[in-house]
Amino acid sequence: MRLSTLRALKRAAELTRQNRLTEAVLIAEPVILAADSYEGDEILRWLADHVTDFTGENSKEIP
């Protein structure tokens, strides 16, 4: 994944945690749409692995 894409995703996660969802989408959407199929797969994996970056919740599962 390109460094610029990763930075955009991390910034979008930060904005989402601050309840600034519109700004988060404005940052993340263009890089996601511009990704080729290989980078798109990397983005999907990153998003799946970093869900708690967006929610701010603890990643531990509740028993």
N, C-alpha and C. Protein backbone atom coordinates (compact mmCIF):
# COMPACT_ATOMS: atom_id res chain seq x y z
N MET A 1 0.85 -1.16 0.00
CA MET A 1 0.00 0.00 0.00
C MET A 1 0.90 1.24 0.00
N ARG A 2 0.50 2.21 -0.77
CA ARG A 2 1.26 3.45 -0.81
C ARG A 2 1.20 4.16 0.54
N LEU A 3 2.28 4.84 0.87
CA LEU A 3 2.35 5.57 2.13
C LEU A 3 1.25 6.63 2.21
N SER A 4 0.97 7.28 1.11
CA SER A 4 -0.08 8.32 1.10
C SER A 4 -1.45 7.71 1.40
N THR A 5 -1.69 6.50 0.92
CA THR A 5 -2.95 5.82 1.20
C THR A 5 -3.05 5.48 2.68
N LEU A 6 -1.97 4.94 3.22
CA LEU A 6 -1.95 4.58 4.63
C LEU A 6 -2.17 5.80 5.51
N ARG A 7 -1.51 6.91 5.18
CA ARG A 7 -1.69 8.14 5.95
C ARG A 7 -3.15 8.61 5.90
N ALA A 8 -3.77 8.52 4.73
CA ALA A 8 -5.16 8.93 4.59
C ALA A 8 -6.08 8.06 5.43
N LEU A 9 -5.85 6.76 5.43
CA LEU A 9 -6.68 5.85 6.22
C LEU A 9 -6.51 6.11 7.72
N LYS A 10 -5.27 6.34 8.14
CA LYS A 10 -5.04 6.63 9.56
C LYS A 10 -5.69 7.94 9.97
N ARG A 11 -5.62 8.94 9.11
CA ARG A 11 -6.24 10.23 9.41
C ARG A 11 -7.77 10.08 9.44
N ALA A 12 -8.31 9.30 8.53
CA ALA A 12 -9.75 9.05 8.53
C ALA A 12 -10.18 8.36 9.82
N ALA A 13 -9.38 7.42 10.29
CA ALA A 13 -9.69 6.74 11.55
C ALA A 13 -9.69 7.73 12.71
N GLU A 14 -8.69 8.61 12.72
CA GLU A 14 -8.61 9.62 13.77
C GLU A 14 -9.83 10.54 13.76
N LEU A 15 -10.22 10.99 12.58
CA LEU A 15 -11.39 11.87 12.46
C LEU A 15 -12.67 11.14 12.86
N THR A 16 -12.77 9.87 12.52
CA THR A 16 -13.96 9.09 12.88
C THR A 16 -14.09 8.99 14.39
N ARG A 17 -12.97 8.75 15.08
CA ARG A 17 -13.01 8.68 16.54
C ARG A 17 -13.45 10.01 17.15
N GLN A 18 -13.22 11.10 16.43
CA GLN A 18 -13.61 12.43 16.91
C GLN A 18 -15.03 12.80 16.44
N ASN A 19 -15.75 11.83 15.91
CA ASN A 19 -17.11 12.04 15.39
C ASN A 19 -17.14 13.05 14.24
N ARG A 20 -16.09 13.06 13.44
CA ARG A 20 -16.01 13.94 12.27
C ARG A 20 -16.06 13.06 11.02
N LEU A 21 -17.16 12.36 10.90
CA LEU A 21 -17.32 11.34 9.86
C LEU A 21 -17.29 11.91 8.45
N THR A 22 -17.91 13.04 8.24
CA THR A 22 -17.92 13.64 6.90
C THR A 22 -16.51 13.94 6.44
N GLU A 23 -15.70 14.52 7.31
CA GLU A 23 -14.30 14.81 6.96
C GLU A 23 -13.52 13.53 6.71
N ALA A 24 -13.80 12.50 7.51
CA ALA A 24 -13.11 11.23 7.34
C ALA A 24 -13.39 10.63 5.97
N VAL A 25 -14.64 10.69 5.56
CA VAL A 25 -15.01 10.16 4.24
C VAL A 25 -14.37 10.98 3.13
N LEU A 26 -14.34 12.29 3.28
CA LEU A 26 -13.74 13.15 2.26
C LEU A 26 -12.25 12.86 2.08
N ILE A 27 -11.59 12.41 3.13
CA ILE A 27 -10.17 12.07 3.04
C ILE A 27 -9.97 10.66 2.50
N ALA A 28 -10.74 9.70 2.99
CA ALA A 28 -10.51 8.30 2.64
C ALA A 28 -11.08 7.91 1.27
N GLU A 29 -12.23 8.44 0.92
CA GLU A 29 -12.89 8.00 -0.30
C GLU A 29 -12.04 8.16 -1.56
N PRO A 30 -11.39 9.29 -1.79
CA PRO A 30 -10.60 9.43 -3.03
C PRO A 30 -9.46 8.42 -3.15
N VAL A 31 -8.80 8.13 -2.04
CA VAL A 31 -7.68 7.17 -2.14
C VAL A 31 -8.19 5.75 -2.33
N ILE A 32 -9.34 5.45 -1.75
CA ILE A 32 -9.92 4.12 -1.93
C ILE A 32 -10.38 3.94 -3.38
N LEU A 33 -11.03 4.96 -3.92
CA LEU A 33 -11.51 4.88 -5.30
C LEU A 33 -10.37 4.86 -6.32
N ALA A 34 -9.24 5.47 -5.98
CA ALA A 34 -8.10 5.51 -6.90
C ALA A 34 -7.24 4.26 -6.85
N ALA A 35 -7.48 3.41 -5.89
CA ALA A 35 -6.65 2.21 -5.71
C ALA A 35 -6.89 1.20 -6.84
N ASP A 36 -5.80 0.56 -7.25
CA ASP A 36 -5.95 -0.54 -8.20
C ASP A 36 -6.39 -1.78 -7.42
N SER A 37 -6.60 -2.88 -8.09
CA SER A 37 -7.14 -4.07 -7.42
C SER A 37 -6.19 -4.60 -6.35
N TYR A 38 -4.88 -4.53 -6.60
CA TYR A 38 -3.92 -5.01 -5.60
C TYR A 38 -3.97 -4.14 -4.35
N GLU A 39 -3.89 -2.81 -4.55
CA GLU A 39 -3.93 -1.92 -3.39
C GLU A 39 -5.30 -1.98 -2.72
N GLY A 40 -6.36 -2.16 -3.49
CA GLY A 40 -7.69 -2.30 -2.92
C GLY A 40 -7.77 -3.47 -1.96
N ASP A 41 -7.14 -4.59 -2.33
CA ASP A 41 -7.10 -5.75 -1.44
C ASP A 41 -6.33 -5.42 -0.16
N GLU A 42 -5.22 -4.68 -0.29
CA GLU A 42 -4.45 -4.28 0.89
C GLU A 42 -5.27 -3.36 1.79
N ILE A 43 -6.01 -2.47 1.18
CA ILE A 43 -6.86 -1.55 1.96
C ILE A 43 -7.92 -2.33 2.73
N LEU A 44 -8.56 -3.29 2.07
CA LEU A 44 -9.57 -4.11 2.75
C LEU A 44 -8.98 -4.85 3.94
N ARG A 45 -7.79 -5.43 3.74
CA ARG A 45 -7.13 -6.14 4.85
C ARG A 45 -6.80 -5.18 5.99
N TRP A 46 -6.28 -4.00 5.63
CA TRP A 46 -5.92 -3.02 6.65
C TRP A 46 -7.16 -2.59 7.43
N LEU A 47 -8.25 -2.30 6.72
CA LEU A 47 -9.48 -1.90 7.39
C LEU A 47 -9.99 -2.99 8.33
N ALA A 48 -9.95 -4.23 7.88
CA ALA A 48 -10.41 -5.35 8.72
C ALA A 48 -9.53 -5.50 9.96
N ASP A 49 -8.24 -5.28 9.79
CA ASP A 49 -7.30 -5.42 10.91
C ASP A 49 -7.31 -4.24 11.86
N HIS A 50 -7.87 -3.11 11.43
CA HIS A 50 -7.82 -1.88 12.23
C HIS A 50 -9.20 -1.31 12.53
N VAL A 51 -10.18 -2.16 12.66
CA VAL A 51 -11.54 -1.69 12.96
C VAL A 51 -11.56 -0.84 14.22
N THR A 52 -10.82 -1.25 15.23
CA THR A 52 -10.84 -0.50 16.49
C THR A 52 -10.17 0.86 16.36
N ASP A 53 -9.36 1.07 15.32
CA ASP A 53 -8.80 2.40 15.08
C ASP A 53 -9.92 3.38 14.77
N PHE A 54 -10.99 2.90 14.17
CA PHE A 54 -12.12 3.75 13.81
C PHE A 54 -13.12 3.87 14.94
N THR A 55 -13.30 2.81 15.70
CA THR A 55 -14.31 2.83 16.75
C THR A 55 -13.78 3.36 18.07
N GLY A 56 -12.47 3.24 18.27
CA GLY A 56 -11.88 3.66 19.54
C GLY A 56 -12.13 2.67 20.65
N GLU A 57 -12.72 1.53 20.33
CA GLU A 57 -13.02 0.51 21.32
C GLU A 57 -11.82 -0.38 21.54
N ASN A 58 -11.79 -1.01 22.69
CA ASN A 58 -10.74 -1.97 23.00
C ASN A 58 -10.89 -3.17 22.09
N SER A 59 -9.80 -3.67 21.55
CA SER A 59 -9.87 -4.76 20.60
C SER A 59 -10.10 -6.12 21.23
N LYS A 60 -10.08 -6.21 22.57
CA LYS A 60 -10.31 -7.49 23.25
C LYS A 60 -11.77 -7.87 23.15
N GLU A 61 -12.00 -9.14 22.90
CA GLU A 61 -13.37 -9.64 22.80
C GLU A 61 -13.96 -9.78 24.18
N ILE A 62 -15.24 -9.49 24.31
CA ILE A 62 -15.93 -9.64 25.59
C ILE A 62 -16.44 -11.08 25.68
N PRO A 63 -16.09 -11.79 26.76
CA PRO A 63 -16.53 -13.20 26.90
C PRO A 63 -18.00 -13.32 27.12
